[in-house]
Amino acid sequence: MSIETTATEAATVLAALAGMLRELLEEYGLDDAEITMETTFHDDLELESVDLVALSGQLREHYGDRVNFAAFIAERDLDEIIALTVGELVRYIVASLRATA
């Protein structure tokens, strides 16, 4: 895999994930929030645990069983979950999709 392929995959996943997040944020009136690889779920997007559960459902709907968000979160302690960035999840999704390709 080339670096360009990885960047393209990450950009594609970021775009899909940003769409899912905007859908979640819409009910808070934050659907115009800028979402980048550095965006944090807690501090920047102010997502609550219930929002992460909803995001998990959206990821399953979009990617099927190839992406296990619950397992991704379960590997982290609370401080790591609070500091979690969109980029970390994007890299996990790309790796998961590659592993099942």
PDB file of N, CA and C in Angstrom:
ATOM      1  N   MET A   1       0.840  -1.192   0.000  1.00  0.00           N
ATOM      2  CA  MET A   1       0.000   0.000   0.000  1.00  0.00           C
ATOM      3  C   MET A   1       0.879   1.248   0.000  1.00  0.00           C
ATOM      4  N   SER A   2       0.551   2.161  -0.836  1.00  0.00           N
ATOM      5  CA  SER A   2       1.328   3.395  -0.888  1.00  0.00           C
ATOM      6  C   SER A   2       0.762   4.400   0.104  1.00  0.00           C
ATOM      7  N   ILE A   3       1.553   5.415   0.371  1.00  0.00           N
ATOM      8  CA  ILE A   3       1.110   6.484   1.267  1.00  0.00           C
ATOM      9  C   ILE A   3      -0.097   7.185   0.673  1.00  0.00           C
ATOM     10  N   GLU A   4      -0.119   7.344  -0.662  1.00  0.00           N
ATOM     11  CA  GLU A   4      -1.258   8.003  -1.317  1.00  0.00           C
ATOM     12  C   GLU A   4      -2.552   7.211  -1.101  1.00  0.00           C
ATOM     13  N   THR A   5      -2.443   5.883  -1.209  1.00  0.00           N
ATOM     14  CA  THR A   5      -3.617   5.036  -1.001  1.00  0.00           C
ATOM     15  C   THR A   5      -4.140   5.218   0.414  1.00  0.00           C
ATOM     16  N   THR A   6      -3.226   5.208   1.388  1.00  0.00           N
ATOM     17  CA  THR A   6      -3.619   5.387   2.780  1.00  0.00           C
ATOM     18  C   THR A   6      -4.291   6.736   2.975  1.00  0.00           C
ATOM     19  N   ALA A   7      -3.718   7.784   2.387  1.00  0.00           N
ATOM     20  CA  ALA A   7      -4.287   9.125   2.521  1.00  0.00           C
ATOM     21  C   ALA A   7      -5.672   9.190   1.876  1.00  0.00           C
ATOM     22  N   THR A   8      -5.818   8.543   0.728  1.00  0.00           N
ATOM     23  CA  THR A   8      -7.116   8.514   0.051  1.00  0.00           C
ATOM     24  C   THR A   8      -8.139   7.766   0.889  1.00  0.00           C
ATOM     25  N   GLU A   9      -7.745   6.610   1.418  1.00  0.00           N
ATOM     26  CA  GLU A   9      -8.647   5.842   2.279  1.00  0.00           C
ATOM     27  C   GLU A   9      -9.043   6.656   3.502  1.00  0.00           C
ATOM     28  N   ALA A  10      -8.070   7.308   4.120  1.00  0.00           N
ATOM     29  CA  ALA A  10      -8.343   8.112   5.316  1.00  0.00           C
ATOM     30  C   ALA A  10      -9.284   9.262   4.979  1.00  0.00           C
ATOM     31  N   ALA A  11      -9.072   9.912   3.836  1.00  0.00           N
ATOM     32  CA  ALA A  11      -9.939  11.024   3.427  1.00  0.00           C
ATOM     33  C   ALA A  11     -11.367  10.541   3.180  1.00  0.00           C
ATOM     34  N   THR A  12     -11.502   9.370   2.561  1.00  0.00           N
ATOM     35  CA  THR A  12     -12.819   8.793   2.294  1.00  0.00           C
ATOM     36  C   THR A  12     -13.533   8.459   3.603  1.00  0.00           C
ATOM     37  N   VAL A  13     -12.802   7.831   4.525  1.00  0.00           N
ATOM     38  CA  VAL A  13     -13.384   7.464   5.818  1.00  0.00           C
ATOM     39  C   VAL A  13     -13.711   8.721   6.616  1.00  0.00           C
ATOM     40  N   LEU A  14     -12.812   9.710   6.590  1.00  0.00           N
ATOM     41  CA  LEU A  14     -13.057  10.966   7.310  1.00  0.00           C
ATOM     42  C   LEU A  14     -14.334  11.630   6.797  1.00  0.00           C
ATOM     43  N   ALA A  15     -14.525  11.649   5.488  1.00  0.00           N
ATOM     44  CA  ALA A  15     -15.725  12.262   4.910  1.00  0.00           C
ATOM     45  C   ALA A  15     -16.987  11.526   5.380  1.00  0.00           C
ATOM     46  N   ALA A  16     -16.943  10.199   5.377  1.00  0.00           N
ATOM     47  CA  ALA A  16     -18.098   9.404   5.821  1.00  0.00           C
ATOM     48  C   ALA A  16     -18.361   9.629   7.308  1.00  0.00           C
ATOM     49  N   LEU A  17     -17.288   9.615   8.096  1.00  0.00           N
ATOM     50  CA  LEU A  17     -17.416   9.799   9.539  1.00  0.00           C
ATOM     51  C   LEU A  17     -17.916  11.209   9.872  1.00  0.00           C
ATOM     52  N   ALA A  18     -17.409  12.198   9.163  1.00  0.00           N
ATOM     53  CA  ALA A  18     -17.856  13.580   9.379  1.00  0.00           C
ATOM     54  C   ALA A  18     -19.351  13.706   9.108  1.00  0.00           C
ATOM     55  N   GLY A  19     -19.830  13.025   8.065  1.00  0.00           N
ATOM     56  CA  GLY A  19     -21.261  13.035   7.762  1.00  0.00           C
ATOM     57  C   GLY A  19     -22.076  12.426   8.888  1.00  0.00           C
ATOM     58  N   MET A  20     -21.589  11.313   9.430  1.00  0.00           N
ATOM     59  CA  MET A  20     -22.282  10.666  10.552  1.00  0.00           C
ATOM     60  C   MET A  20     -22.296  11.580  11.776  1.00  0.00           C
ATOM     61  N   LEU A  21     -21.165  12.212  12.032  1.00  0.00           N
ATOM     62  CA  LEU A  21     -21.065  13.097  13.193  1.00  0.00           C
ATOM     63  C   LEU A  21     -21.960  14.322  13.035  1.00  0.00           C
ATOM     64  N   ARG A  22     -22.017  14.874  11.825  1.00  0.00           N
ATOM     65  CA  ARG A  22     -22.890  16.037  11.595  1.00  0.00           C
ATOM     66  C   ARG A  22     -24.353  15.675  11.833  1.00  0.00           C
ATOM     67  N   GLU A  23     -24.711  14.458  11.453  1.00  0.00           N
ATOM     68  CA  GLU A  23     -26.072  13.984  11.690  1.00  0.00           C
ATOM     69  C   GLU A  23     -26.357  13.944  13.193  1.00  0.00           C
ATOM     70  N   LEU A  24     -25.391  13.438  13.973  1.00  0.00           N
ATOM     71  CA  LEU A  24     -25.541  13.400  15.425  1.00  0.00           C
ATOM     72  C   LEU A  24     -25.593  14.810  16.016  1.00  0.00           C
ATOM     73  N   LEU A  25     -24.750  15.699  15.495  1.00  0.00           N
ATOM     74  CA  LEU A  25     -24.631  17.049  16.040  1.00  0.00           C
ATOM     75  C   LEU A  25     -25.792  17.947  15.656  1.00  0.00           C
ATOM     76  N   GLU A  26     -26.528  17.538  14.637  1.00  0.00           N
ATOM     77  CA  GLU A  26     -27.637  18.348  14.128  1.00  0.00           C
ATOM     78  C   GLU A  26     -28.646  18.671  15.236  1.00  0.00           C
ATOM     79  N   GLU A  27     -28.907  17.681  16.099  1.00  0.00           N
ATOM     80  CA  GLU A  27     -29.888  17.919  17.160  1.00  0.00           C
ATOM     81  C   GLU A  27     -29.396  18.942  18.183  1.00  0.00           C
ATOM     82  N   TYR A  28     -28.089  19.195  18.215  1.00  0.00           N
ATOM     83  CA  TYR A  28     -27.527  20.209  19.118  1.00  0.00           C
ATOM     84  C   TYR A  28     -27.291  21.534  18.387  1.00  0.00           C
ATOM     85  N   GLY A  29     -27.624  21.567  17.098  1.00  0.00           N
ATOM     86  CA  GLY A  29     -27.392  22.765  16.312  1.00  0.00           C
ATOM     87  C   GLY A  29     -25.928  22.981  15.973  1.00  0.00           C
ATOM     88  N   LEU A  30     -25.134  21.906  16.009  1.00  0.00           N
ATOM     89  CA  LEU A  30     -23.690  22.011  15.765  1.00  0.00           C
ATOM     90  C   LEU A  30     -23.268  21.307  14.482  1.00  0.00           C
ATOM     91  N   ASP A  31     -24.221  21.098  13.569  1.00  0.00           N
ATOM     92  CA  ASP A  31     -23.920  20.317  12.372  1.00  0.00           C
ATOM     93  C   ASP A  31     -22.998  21.043  11.400  1.00  0.00           C
ATOM     94  N   ASP A  32     -22.641  22.310  11.690  1.00  0.00           N
ATOM     95  CA  ASP A  32     -21.684  23.019  10.836  1.00  0.00           C
ATOM     96  C   ASP A  32     -20.286  23.023  11.454  1.00  0.00           C
ATOM     97  N   ALA A  33     -20.085  22.253  12.527  1.00  0.00           N
ATOM     98  CA  ALA A  33     -18.783  22.178  13.186  1.00  0.00           C
ATOM     99  C   ALA A  33     -17.737  21.645  12.213  1.00  0.00           C
ATOM    100  N   GLU A  34     -16.537  22.216  12.287  1.00  0.00           N
ATOM    101  CA  GLU A  34     -15.445  21.724  11.453  1.00  0.00           C
ATOM    102  C   GLU A  34     -14.956  20.405  12.045  1.00  0.00           C
ATOM    103  N   ILE A  35     -14.852  19.399  11.199  1.00  0.00           N
ATOM    104  CA  ILE A  35     -14.416  18.078  11.658  1.00  0.00           C
ATOM    105  C   ILE A  35     -13.167  17.690  10.878  1.00  0.00           C
ATOM    106  N   THR A  36     -12.047  17.605  11.611  1.00  0.00           N
ATOM    107  CA  THR A  36     -10.758  17.246  11.007  1.00  0.00           C
ATOM    108  C   THR A  36     -10.193  16.031  11.752  1.00  0.00           C
ATOM    109  N   MET A  37      -9.038  15.574  11.327  1.00  0.00           N
ATOM    110  CA  MET A  37      -8.388  14.448  11.987  1.00  0.00           C
ATOM    111  C   MET A  37      -8.034  14.798  13.439  1.00  0.00           C
ATOM    112  N   GLU A  38      -7.820  16.086  13.735  1.00  0.00           N
ATOM    113  CA  GLU A  38      -7.418  16.513  15.075  1.00  0.00           C
ATOM    114  C   GLU A  38      -8.607  16.798  15.989  1.00  0.00           C
ATOM    115  N   THR A  39      -9.822  16.835  15.445  1.00  0.00           N
ATOM    116  CA  THR A  39     -11.015  17.133  16.232  1.00  0.00           C
ATOM    117  C   THR A  39     -11.191  16.071  17.317  1.00  0.00           C
ATOM    118  N   THR A  40     -11.466  16.516  18.548  1.00  0.00           N
ATOM    119  CA  THR A  40     -11.728  15.561  19.626  1.00  0.00           C
ATOM    120  C   THR A  40     -13.235  15.403  19.812  1.00  0.00           C
ATOM    121  N   PHE A  41     -13.628  14.189  20.144  1.00  0.00           N
ATOM    122  CA  PHE A  41     -15.046  13.897  20.332  1.00  0.00           C
ATOM    123  C   PHE A  41     -15.602  14.624  21.557  1.00  0.00           C
ATOM    124  N   HIS A  42     -14.810  14.697  22.617  1.00  0.00           N
ATOM    125  CA  HIS A  42     -15.304  15.260  23.867  1.00  0.00           C
ATOM    126  C   HIS A  42     -15.188  16.784  23.897  1.00  0.00           C
ATOM    127  N   ASP A  43     -13.966  17.312  23.777  1.00  0.00           N
ATOM    128  CA  ASP A  43     -13.770  18.758  23.934  1.00  0.00           C
ATOM    129  C   ASP A  43     -14.305  19.566  22.755  1.00  0.00           C
ATOM    130  N   ASP A  44     -14.032  19.109  21.535  1.00  0.00           N
ATOM    131  CA  ASP A  44     -14.440  19.884  20.356  1.00  0.00           C
ATOM    132  C   ASP A  44     -15.908  19.675  19.994  1.00  0.00           C
ATOM    133  N   LEU A  45     -16.338  18.428  19.979  1.00  0.00           N
ATOM    134  CA  LEU A  45     -17.702  18.119  19.535  1.00  0.00           C
ATOM    135  C   LEU A  45     -18.679  17.971  20.698  1.00  0.00           C
ATOM    136  N   GLU A  46     -18.136  17.881  21.912  1.00  0.00           N
ATOM    137  CA  GLU A  46     -18.952  17.763  23.128  1.00  0.00           C
ATOM    138  C   GLU A  46     -19.912  16.576  23.085  1.00  0.00           C
ATOM    139  N   LEU A  47     -19.427  15.472  22.525  1.00  0.00           N
ATOM    140  CA  LEU A  47     -20.271  14.276  22.454  1.00  0.00           C
ATOM    141  C   LEU A  47     -20.341  13.601  23.821  1.00  0.00           C
ATOM    142  N   GLU A  48     -21.506  13.113  24.157  1.00  0.00           N
ATOM    143  CA  GLU A  48     -21.737  12.364  25.392  1.00  0.00           C
ATOM    144  C   GLU A  48     -21.638  10.873  25.061  1.00  0.00           C
ATOM    145  N   SER A  49     -21.619  10.038  26.088  1.00  0.00           N
ATOM    146  CA  SER A  49     -21.521   8.598  25.855  1.00  0.00           C
ATOM    147  C   SER A  49     -22.694   8.086  25.017  1.00  0.00           C
ATOM    148  N   VAL A  50     -23.880   8.666  25.213  1.00  0.00           N
ATOM    149  CA  VAL A  50     -25.041   8.245  24.423  1.00  0.00           C
ATOM    150  C   VAL A  50     -24.823   8.547  22.938  1.00  0.00           C
ATOM    151  N   ASP A  51     -24.097   9.639  22.642  1.00  0.00           N
ATOM    152  CA  ASP A  51     -23.784   9.981  21.255  1.00  0.00           C
ATOM    153  C   ASP A  51     -22.817   8.961  20.658  1.00  0.00           C
ATOM    154  N   LEU A  52     -21.881   8.476  21.477  1.00  0.00           N
ATOM    155  CA  LEU A  52     -20.931   7.470  20.991  1.00  0.00           C
ATOM    156  C   LEU A  52     -21.659   6.162  20.690  1.00  0.00           C
ATOM    157  N   VAL A  53     -22.680   5.858  21.481  1.00  0.00           N
ATOM    158  CA  VAL A  53     -23.491   4.662  21.213  1.00  0.00           C
ATOM    159  C   VAL A  53     -24.214   4.835  19.874  1.00  0.00           C
ATOM    160  N   ALA A  54     -24.771   6.018  19.653  1.00  0.00           N
ATOM    161  CA  ALA A  54     -25.450   6.295  18.383  1.00  0.00           C
ATOM    162  C   ALA A  54     -24.465   6.214  17.224  1.00  0.00           C
ATOM    163  N   LEU A  55     -23.257   6.759  17.420  1.00  0.00           N
ATOM    164  CA  LEU A  55     -22.223   6.698  16.386  1.00  0.00           C
ATOM    165  C   LEU A  55     -21.851   5.245  16.092  1.00  0.00           C
ATOM    166  N   SER A  56     -21.764   4.434  17.123  1.00  0.00           N
ATOM    167  CA  SER A  56     -21.465   3.011  16.952  1.00  0.00           C
ATOM    168  C   SER A  56     -22.494   2.359  16.031  1.00  0.00           C
ATOM    169  N   GLY A  57     -23.771   2.693  16.238  1.00  0.00           N
ATOM    170  CA  GLY A  57     -24.832   2.164  15.382  1.00  0.00           C
ATOM    171  C   GLY A  57     -24.688   2.620  13.946  1.00  0.00           C
ATOM    172  N   GLN A  58     -24.326   3.894  13.765  1.00  0.00           N
ATOM    173  CA  GLN A  58     -24.143   4.417  12.402  1.00  0.00           C
ATOM    174  C   GLN A  58     -22.957   3.733  11.715  1.00  0.00           C
ATOM    175  N   LEU A  59     -21.885   3.521  12.461  1.00  0.00           N
ATOM    176  CA  LEU A  59     -20.712   2.846  11.889  1.00  0.00           C
ATOM    177  C   LEU A  59     -21.066   1.420  11.472  1.00  0.00           C
ATOM    178  N   ARG A  60     -21.840   0.726  12.313  1.00  0.00           N
ATOM    179  CA  ARG A  60     -22.245  -0.657  11.992  1.00  0.00           C
ATOM    180  C   ARG A  60     -23.129  -0.668  10.746  1.00  0.00           C
ATOM    181  N   GLU A  61     -24.031   0.311  10.669  1.00  0.00           N
ATOM    182  CA  GLU A  61     -24.923   0.409   9.510  1.00  0.00           C
ATOM    183  C   GLU A  61     -24.121   0.656   8.226  1.00  0.00           C
ATOM    184  N   HIS A  62     -23.096   1.502   8.330  1.00  0.00           N
ATOM    185  CA  HIS A  62     -22.314   1.891   7.151  1.00  0.00           C
ATOM    186  C   HIS A  62     -21.280   0.827   6.758  1.00  0.00           C
ATOM    187  N   TYR A  63     -20.578   0.273   7.759  1.00  0.00           N
ATOM    188  CA  TYR A  63     -19.476  -0.645   7.472  1.00  0.00           C
ATOM    189  C   TYR A  63     -19.780  -2.103   7.808  1.00  0.00           C
ATOM    190  N   GLY A  64     -20.934  -2.376   8.409  1.00  0.00           N
ATOM    191  CA  GLY A  64     -21.246  -3.742   8.811  1.00  0.00           C
ATOM    192  C   GLY A  64     -20.360  -4.186   9.960  1.00  0.00           C
ATOM    193  N   ASP A  65     -20.098  -5.477  10.022  1.00  0.00           N
ATOM    194  CA  ASP A  65     -19.317  -6.035  11.128  1.00  0.00           C
ATOM    195  C   ASP A  65     -17.811  -5.831  10.950  1.00  0.00           C
ATOM    196  N   ARG A  66     -17.419  -5.190   9.861  1.00  0.00           N
ATOM    197  CA  ARG A  66     -15.983  -5.001   9.614  1.00  0.00           C
ATOM    198  C   ARG A  66     -15.355  -3.998  10.576  1.00  0.00           C
ATOM    199  N   VAL A  67     -16.176  -3.108  11.145  1.00  0.00           N
ATOM    200  CA  VAL A  67     -15.672  -2.097  12.080  1.00  0.00           C
ATOM    201  C   VAL A  67     -16.387  -2.295  13.408  1.00  0.00           C
ATOM    202  N   ASN A  68     -15.620  -2.664  14.448  1.00  0.00           N
ATOM    203  CA  ASN A  68     -16.195  -2.912  15.771  1.00  0.00           C
ATOM    204  C   ASN A  68     -15.833  -1.759  16.702  1.00  0.00           C
ATOM    205  N   PHE A  69     -16.697  -0.744  16.711  1.00  0.00           N
ATOM    206  CA  PHE A  69     -16.458   0.460  17.514  1.00  0.00           C
ATOM    207  C   PHE A  69     -16.432   0.131  19.011  1.00  0.00           C
ATOM    208  N   ALA A  70     -17.284  -0.782  19.445  1.00  0.00           N
ATOM    209  CA  ALA A  70     -17.319  -1.158  20.863  1.00  0.00           C
ATOM    210  C   ALA A  70     -15.972  -1.721  21.312  1.00  0.00           C
ATOM    211  N   ALA A  71     -15.373  -2.578  20.483  1.00  0.00           N
ATOM    212  CA  ALA A  71     -14.064  -3.144  20.813  1.00  0.00           C
ATOM    213  C   ALA A  71     -12.992  -2.053  20.809  1.00  0.00           C
ATOM    214  N   PHE A  72     -13.091  -1.121  19.865  1.00  0.00           N
ATOM    215  CA  PHE A  72     -12.150  -0.001  19.771  1.00  0.00           C
ATOM    216  C   PHE A  72     -12.191   0.819  21.054  1.00  0.00           C
ATOM    217  N   ILE A  73     -13.384   1.131  21.540  1.00  0.00           N
ATOM    218  CA  ILE A  73     -13.551   1.925  22.763  1.00  0.00           C
ATOM    219  C   ILE A  73     -13.146   1.113  23.998  1.00  0.00           C
ATOM    220  N   ALA A  74     -13.478  -0.176  24.008  1.00  0.00           N
ATOM    221  CA  ALA A  74     -13.205  -1.032  25.172  1.00  0.00           C
ATOM    222  C   ALA A  74     -11.712  -1.132  25.488  1.00  0.00           C
ATOM    223  N   GLU A  75     -10.861  -0.933  24.468  1.00  0.00           N
ATOM    224  CA  GLU A  75      -9.412  -1.027  24.664  1.00  0.00           C
ATOM    225  C   GLU A  75      -8.835   0.211  25.337  1.00  0.00           C
ATOM    226  N   ARG A  76      -9.662   1.239  25.591  1.00  0.00           N
ATOM    227  CA  ARG A  76      -9.173   2.506  26.124  1.00  0.00           C
ATOM    228  C   ARG A  76      -9.699   2.768  27.526  1.00  0.00           C
ATOM    229  N   ASP A  77      -8.886   3.503  28.312  1.00  0.00           N
ATOM    230  CA  ASP A  77      -9.394   3.915  29.618  1.00  0.00           C
ATOM    231  C   ASP A  77     -10.145   5.241  29.444  1.00  0.00           C
ATOM    232  N   LEU A  78     -10.768   5.713  30.499  1.00  0.00           N
ATOM    233  CA  LEU A  78     -11.630   6.888  30.416  1.00  0.00           C
ATOM    234  C   LEU A  78     -10.889   8.121  29.884  1.00  0.00           C
ATOM    235  N   ASP A  79      -9.664   8.346  30.372  1.00  0.00           N
ATOM    236  CA  ASP A  79      -8.902   9.514  29.907  1.00  0.00           C
ATOM    237  C   ASP A  79      -8.621   9.435  28.409  1.00  0.00           C
ATOM    238  N   GLU A  80      -8.325   8.228  27.932  1.00  0.00           N
ATOM    239  CA  GLU A  80      -8.075   8.045  26.498  1.00  0.00           C
ATOM    240  C   GLU A  80      -9.346   8.267  25.686  1.00  0.00           C
ATOM    241  N   ILE A  81     -10.477   7.843  26.217  1.00  0.00           N
ATOM    242  CA  ILE A  81     -11.751   8.047  25.522  1.00  0.00           C
ATOM    243  C   ILE A  81     -12.072   9.536  25.466  1.00  0.00           C
ATOM    244  N   ILE A  82     -11.836  10.240  26.565  1.00  0.00           N
ATOM    245  CA  ILE A  82     -12.095  11.682  26.610  1.00  0.00           C
ATOM    246  C   ILE A  82     -11.198  12.417  25.612  1.00  0.00           C
ATOM    247  N   ALA A  83      -9.961  11.965  25.449  1.00  0.00           N
ATOM    248  CA  ALA A  83      -9.002  12.617  24.548  1.00  0.00           C
ATOM    249  C   ALA A  83      -9.087  12.114  23.110  1.00  0.00           C
ATOM    250  N   LEU A  84      -9.973  11.154  22.839  1.00  0.00           N
ATOM    251  CA  LEU A  84     -10.064  10.522  21.525  1.00  0.00           C
ATOM    252  C   LEU A  84     -10.296  11.531  20.403  1.00  0.00           C
ATOM    253  N   THR A  85      -9.519  11.374  19.336  1.00  0.00           N
ATOM    254  CA  THR A  85      -9.681  12.263  18.180  1.00  0.00           C
ATOM    255  C   THR A  85     -10.372  11.523  17.036  1.00  0.00           C
ATOM    256  N   VAL A  86     -10.932  12.301  16.141  1.00  0.00           N
ATOM    257  CA  VAL A  86     -11.540  11.754  14.932  1.00  0.00           C
ATOM    258  C   VAL A  86     -10.483  10.968  14.152  1.00  0.00           C
ATOM    259  N   GLY A  87      -9.263  11.486  14.098  1.00  0.00           N
ATOM    260  CA  GLY A  87      -8.175  10.826  13.369  1.00  0.00           C
ATOM    261  C   GLY A  87      -7.875   9.428  13.884  1.00  0.00           C
ATOM    262  N   GLU A  88      -7.904   9.263  15.212  1.00  0.00           N
ATOM    263  CA  GLU A  88      -7.660   7.931  15.784  1.00  0.00           C
ATOM    264  C   GLU A  88      -8.724   6.945  15.311  1.00  0.00           C
ATOM    265  N   LEU A  89      -9.976   7.390  15.291  1.00  0.00           N
ATOM    266  CA  LEU A  89     -11.057   6.514  14.825  1.00  0.00           C
ATOM    267  C   LEU A  89     -10.939   6.263  13.327  1.00  0.00           C
ATOM    268  N   VAL A  90     -10.578   7.283  12.560  1.00  0.00           N
ATOM    269  CA  VAL A  90     -10.386   7.105  11.108  1.00  0.00           C
ATOM    270  C   VAL A  90      -9.317   6.050  10.849  1.00  0.00           C
ATOM    271  N   ARG A  91      -8.180   6.145  11.547  1.00  0.00           N
ATOM    272  CA  ARG A  91      -7.099   5.166  11.345  1.00  0.00           C
ATOM    273  C   ARG A  91      -7.555   3.766  11.728  1.00  0.00           C
ATOM    274  N   TYR A  92      -8.339   3.646  12.788  1.00  0.00           N
ATOM    275  CA  TYR A  92      -8.870   2.346  13.194  1.00  0.00           C
ATOM    276  C   TYR A  92      -9.796   1.780  12.110  1.00  0.00           C
ATOM    277  N   ILE A  93     -10.675   2.618  11.579  1.00  0.00           N
ATOM    278  CA  ILE A  93     -11.610   2.160  10.550  1.00  0.00           C
ATOM    279  C   ILE A  93     -10.845   1.709   9.309  1.00  0.00           C
ATOM    280  N   VAL A  94      -9.868   2.502   8.863  1.00  0.00           N
ATOM    281  CA  VAL A  94      -9.060   2.132   7.691  1.00  0.00           C
ATOM    282  C   VAL A  94      -8.379   0.780   7.937  1.00  0.00           C
ATOM    283  N   ALA A  95      -7.777   0.606   9.115  1.00  0.00           N
ATOM    284  CA  ALA A  95      -7.099  -0.659   9.429  1.00  0.00           C
ATOM    285  C   ALA A  95      -8.087  -1.812   9.460  1.00  0.00           C
ATOM    286  N   SER A  96      -9.276  -1.590  10.019  1.00  0.00           N
ATOM    287  CA  SER A  96     -10.306  -2.641  10.090  1.00  0.00           C
ATOM    288  C   SER A  96     -10.774  -3.041   8.696  1.00  0.00           C
ATOM    289  N   LEU A  97     -10.987  -2.059   7.846  1.00  0.00           N
ATOM    290  CA  LEU A  97     -11.448  -2.342   6.479  1.00  0.00           C
ATOM    291  C   LEU A  97     -10.376  -3.097   5.707  1.00  0.00           C
ATOM    292  N   ARG A  98      -9.108  -2.739   5.909  1.00  0.00           N
ATOM    293  CA  ARG A  98      -8.013  -3.444   5.247  1.00  0.00           C
ATOM    294  C   ARG A  98      -7.925  -4.885   5.720  1.00  0.00           C
ATOM    295  N   ALA A  99      -8.104  -5.079   7.022  1.00  0.00           N
ATOM    296  CA  ALA A  99      -7.981  -6.425   7.594  1.00  0.00           C
ATOM    297  C   ALA A  99      -9.062  -7.355   7.071  1.00  0.00           C
ATOM    298  N   THR A 100     -10.201  -6.788   6.671  1.00  0.00           N
ATOM    299  CA  THR A 100     -11.306  -7.625   6.197  1.00  0.00           C
ATOM    300  C   THR A 100     -11.448  -7.606   4.682  1.00  0.00           C
ATOM    301  N   ALA A 101     -10.532  -6.886   4.011  1.00  0.00           N
ATOM    302  CA  ALA A 101     -10.616  -6.774   2.544  1.00  0.00           C
ATOM    303  C   ALA A 101     -10.201  -8.064   1.871  1.00  0.00           C
TER     304      ALA A 101
END
